[in-house]
Amino acid sequence: MQTILLQAGQDGGLMPQLLMFGAIILVFYFFMIRPQQKKAKDQKKFREELTKGMFVVTIGGLHGKLVAVEDDTVIVEVDKGVRLTFDKAAISTEATAKLNQQPNS
């Protein structure tokens, strides 16, 4: 009885293997590749919409206020009179909501 089942399982042909391989590719696309592309698109849109006066966080974790936005660079004021120049690619997220919730010292 076991011999018959093993022989029947091997006789499936190439089609089920191709369908399984296609299903694996679809799973990788929808769970890995597509979300990364969407995140990159959203990040690019955010960087294009940077405006003077926004509070931002850099990829290094530096918090500050944008005082100038140019083509590829931004100037971030981190303290009174301390201004640093960064690439737009170094800006990670907006921190306006976080900074507005902190009490003034």
C-alpha atoms as a PDB file:
ATOM      1  CA  MET A   1       0.000   0.000   0.000  1.00  0.00           C
ATOM      2  CA  GLN A   2       2.814   2.440   0.829  1.00  0.00           C
ATOM      3  CA  THR A   3       4.540   1.693  -2.451  1.00  0.00           C
ATOM      4  CA  ILE A   4       1.465   2.699  -4.418  1.00  0.00           C
ATOM      5  CA  LEU A   5       1.124   6.027  -2.556  1.00  0.00           C
ATOM      6  CA  LEU A   6       4.778   6.906  -3.101  1.00  0.00           C
ATOM      7  CA  GLN A   7       4.549   6.181  -6.808  1.00  0.00           C
ATOM      8  CA  ALA A   8       1.395   8.265  -7.155  1.00  0.00           C
ATOM      9  CA  GLY A   9       3.055  11.202  -5.399  1.00  0.00           C
ATOM     10  CA  GLN A  10       5.999  11.213  -7.784  1.00  0.00           C
ATOM     11  CA  ASP A  11       3.825  11.033 -10.874  1.00  0.00           C
ATOM     12  CA  GLY A  12       2.432  14.564 -10.392  1.00  0.00           C
ATOM     13  CA  GLY A  13       4.502  16.109 -13.152  1.00  0.00           C
ATOM     14  CA  LEU A  14       5.996  19.551 -13.505  1.00  0.00           C
ATOM     15  CA  MET A  15       2.828  21.642 -13.162  1.00  0.00           C
ATOM     16  CA  PRO A  16       2.362  21.397  -9.361  1.00  0.00           C
ATOM     17  CA  GLN A  17       6.012  22.298  -8.825  1.00  0.00           C
ATOM     18  CA  LEU A  18       5.669  25.360 -11.046  1.00  0.00           C
ATOM     19  CA  LEU A  19       2.494  26.428  -9.238  1.00  0.00           C
ATOM     20  CA  MET A  20       4.230  26.096  -5.866  1.00  0.00           C
ATOM     21  CA  PHE A  21       7.228  28.082  -7.089  1.00  0.00           C
ATOM     22  CA  GLY A  22       4.884  30.794  -8.434  1.00  0.00           C
ATOM     23  CA  ALA A  23       3.051  30.932  -5.103  1.00  0.00           C
ATOM     24  CA  ILE A  24       6.338  31.394  -3.243  1.00  0.00           C
ATOM     25  CA  ILE A  25       7.284  34.270  -5.562  1.00  0.00           C
ATOM     26  CA  LEU A  26       3.893  35.933  -4.953  1.00  0.00           C
ATOM     27  CA  VAL A  27       4.292  35.618  -1.180  1.00  0.00           C
ATOM     28  CA  PHE A  28       7.749  37.213  -1.336  1.00  0.00           C
ATOM     29  CA  TYR A  29       6.411  40.042  -3.490  1.00  0.00           C
ATOM     30  CA  PHE A  30       3.395  40.890  -1.342  1.00  0.00           C
ATOM     31  CA  PHE A  31       5.077  40.493   2.047  1.00  0.00           C
ATOM     32  CA  MET A  32       8.602  41.781   1.390  1.00  0.00           C
ATOM     33  CA  ILE A  33       9.169  43.677  -1.841  1.00  0.00           C
ATOM     34  CA  ARG A  34       5.920  45.661  -2.111  1.00  0.00           C
ATOM     35  CA  PRO A  35       5.981  47.077   1.461  1.00  0.00           C
ATOM     36  CA  GLN A  36       9.607  48.186   1.012  1.00  0.00           C
ATOM     37  CA  GLN A  37       8.738  49.957  -2.235  1.00  0.00           C
ATOM     38  CA  LYS A  38       5.769  51.693  -0.588  1.00  0.00           C
ATOM     39  CA  LYS A  39       7.908  52.806   2.360  1.00  0.00           C
ATOM     40  CA  ALA A  40      10.603  54.190   0.031  1.00  0.00           C
ATOM     41  CA  LYS A  41       7.951  56.052  -1.991  1.00  0.00           C
ATOM     42  CA  ASP A  42       6.423  57.574   1.175  1.00  0.00           C
ATOM     43  CA  GLN A  43       9.885  58.600   2.448  1.00  0.00           C
ATOM     44  CA  LYS A  44      10.719  60.270  -0.871  1.00  0.00           C
ATOM     45  CA  LYS A  45       7.398  62.157  -0.832  1.00  0.00           C
ATOM     46  CA  PHE A  46       8.059  63.296   2.774  1.00  0.00           C
ATOM     47  CA  ARG A  47      11.508  64.631   1.858  1.00  0.00           C
ATOM     48  CA  GLU A  48      10.095  66.538  -1.112  1.00  0.00           C
ATOM     49  CA  GLU A  49       7.515  68.189   1.173  1.00  0.00           C
ATOM     50  CA  LEU A  50      10.017  69.482   3.768  1.00  0.00           C
ATOM     51  CA  THR A  51       9.316  73.124   4.608  1.00  0.00           C
ATOM     52  CA  LYS A  52      10.949  75.797   6.710  1.00  0.00           C
ATOM     53  CA  GLY A  53       9.805  75.687  10.338  1.00  0.00           C
ATOM     54  CA  MET A  54       9.208  71.934  10.571  1.00  0.00           C
ATOM     55  CA  PHE A  55      10.671  70.048  13.520  1.00  0.00           C
ATOM     56  CA  VAL A  56      12.483  66.957  12.241  1.00  0.00           C
ATOM     57  CA  VAL A  57      14.589  64.015  13.371  1.00  0.00           C
ATOM     58  CA  THR A  58      17.638  62.948  11.372  1.00  0.00           C
ATOM     59  CA  ILE A  59      18.614  59.342  10.752  1.00  0.00           C
ATOM     60  CA  GLY A  60      21.258  59.833  13.443  1.00  0.00           C
ATOM     61  CA  GLY A  61      18.614  60.838  15.995  1.00  0.00           C
ATOM     62  CA  LEU A  62      19.315  64.595  16.050  1.00  0.00           C
ATOM     63  CA  HIS A  63      16.201  66.708  16.721  1.00  0.00           C
ATOM     64  CA  GLY A  64      15.908  70.227  15.372  1.00  0.00           C
ATOM     65  CA  LYS A  65      13.984  72.842  13.436  1.00  0.00           C
ATOM     66  CA  LEU A  66      14.406  73.392   9.702  1.00  0.00           C
ATOM     67  CA  VAL A  67      15.535  76.968   9.058  1.00  0.00           C
ATOM     68  CA  ALA A  68      16.293  76.565   5.339  1.00  0.00           C
ATOM     69  CA  VAL A  69      15.416  74.034   2.669  1.00  0.00           C
ATOM     70  CA  GLU A  70      17.430  73.949  -0.550  1.00  0.00           C
ATOM     71  CA  ASP A  71      17.541  71.502  -3.475  1.00  0.00           C
ATOM     72  CA  ASP A  72      19.508  68.669  -1.881  1.00  0.00           C
ATOM     73  CA  THR A  73      20.329  70.060   1.560  1.00  0.00           C
ATOM     74  CA  VAL A  74      18.584  71.430   4.637  1.00  0.00           C
ATOM     75  CA  ILE A  75      19.829  73.571   7.500  1.00  0.00           C
ATOM     76  CA  VAL A  76      18.690  72.362  10.916  1.00  0.00           C
ATOM     77  CA  GLU A  77      18.841  74.560  14.025  1.00  0.00           C
ATOM     78  CA  VAL A  78      19.492  72.288  16.998  1.00  0.00           C
ATOM     79  CA  ASP A  79      19.983  75.003  19.621  1.00  0.00           C
ATOM     80  CA  LYS A  80      19.872  78.796  19.647  1.00  0.00           C
ATOM     81  CA  GLY A  81      22.414  79.817  17.031  1.00  0.00           C
ATOM     82  CA  VAL A  82      23.679  76.280  16.352  1.00  0.00           C
ATOM     83  CA  ARG A  83      22.871  75.394  12.761  1.00  0.00           C
ATOM     84  CA  LEU A  84      23.931  72.258  10.942  1.00  0.00           C
ATOM     85  CA  THR A  85      23.685  71.425   7.249  1.00  0.00           C
ATOM     86  CA  PHE A  86      22.395  67.985   6.243  1.00  0.00           C
ATOM     87  CA  ASP A  87      21.486  66.187   3.052  1.00  0.00           C
ATOM     88  CA  LYS A  88      17.744  65.812   2.622  1.00  0.00           C
ATOM     89  CA  ALA A  89      18.322  62.054   2.677  1.00  0.00           C
ATOM     90  CA  ALA A  90      19.467  62.384   6.310  1.00  0.00           C
ATOM     91  CA  ILE A  91      16.021  63.549   7.456  1.00  0.00           C
ATOM     92  CA  SER A  92      14.083  60.605   8.842  1.00  0.00           C
ATOM     93  CA  THR A  93      10.780  61.790  10.306  1.00  0.00           C
ATOM     94  CA  GLU A  94       8.832  64.836  11.383  1.00  0.00           C
ATOM     95  CA  ALA A  95       8.937  65.552  15.110  1.00  0.00           C
ATOM     96  CA  THR A  96       6.482  68.462  15.339  1.00  0.00           C
ATOM     97  CA  ALA A  97       3.889  66.493  17.290  1.00  0.00           C
ATOM     98  CA  LYS A  98       6.494  65.149  19.721  1.00  0.00           C
ATOM     99  CA  LEU A  99       8.085  68.527  20.404  1.00  0.00           C
ATOM    100  CA  ASN A 100       4.764  70.330  20.887  1.00  0.00           C
ATOM    101  CA  GLN A 101       3.815  67.872  23.668  1.00  0.00           C
ATOM    102  CA  GLN A 102       6.959  68.512  25.711  1.00  0.00           C
ATOM    103  CA  PRO A 103       6.687  71.130  28.485  1.00  0.00           C
ATOM    104  CA  ASN A 104       8.825  74.246  28.082  1.00  0.00           C
ATOM    105  CA  SER A 105      11.811  74.392  30.422  1.00  0.00           C
END
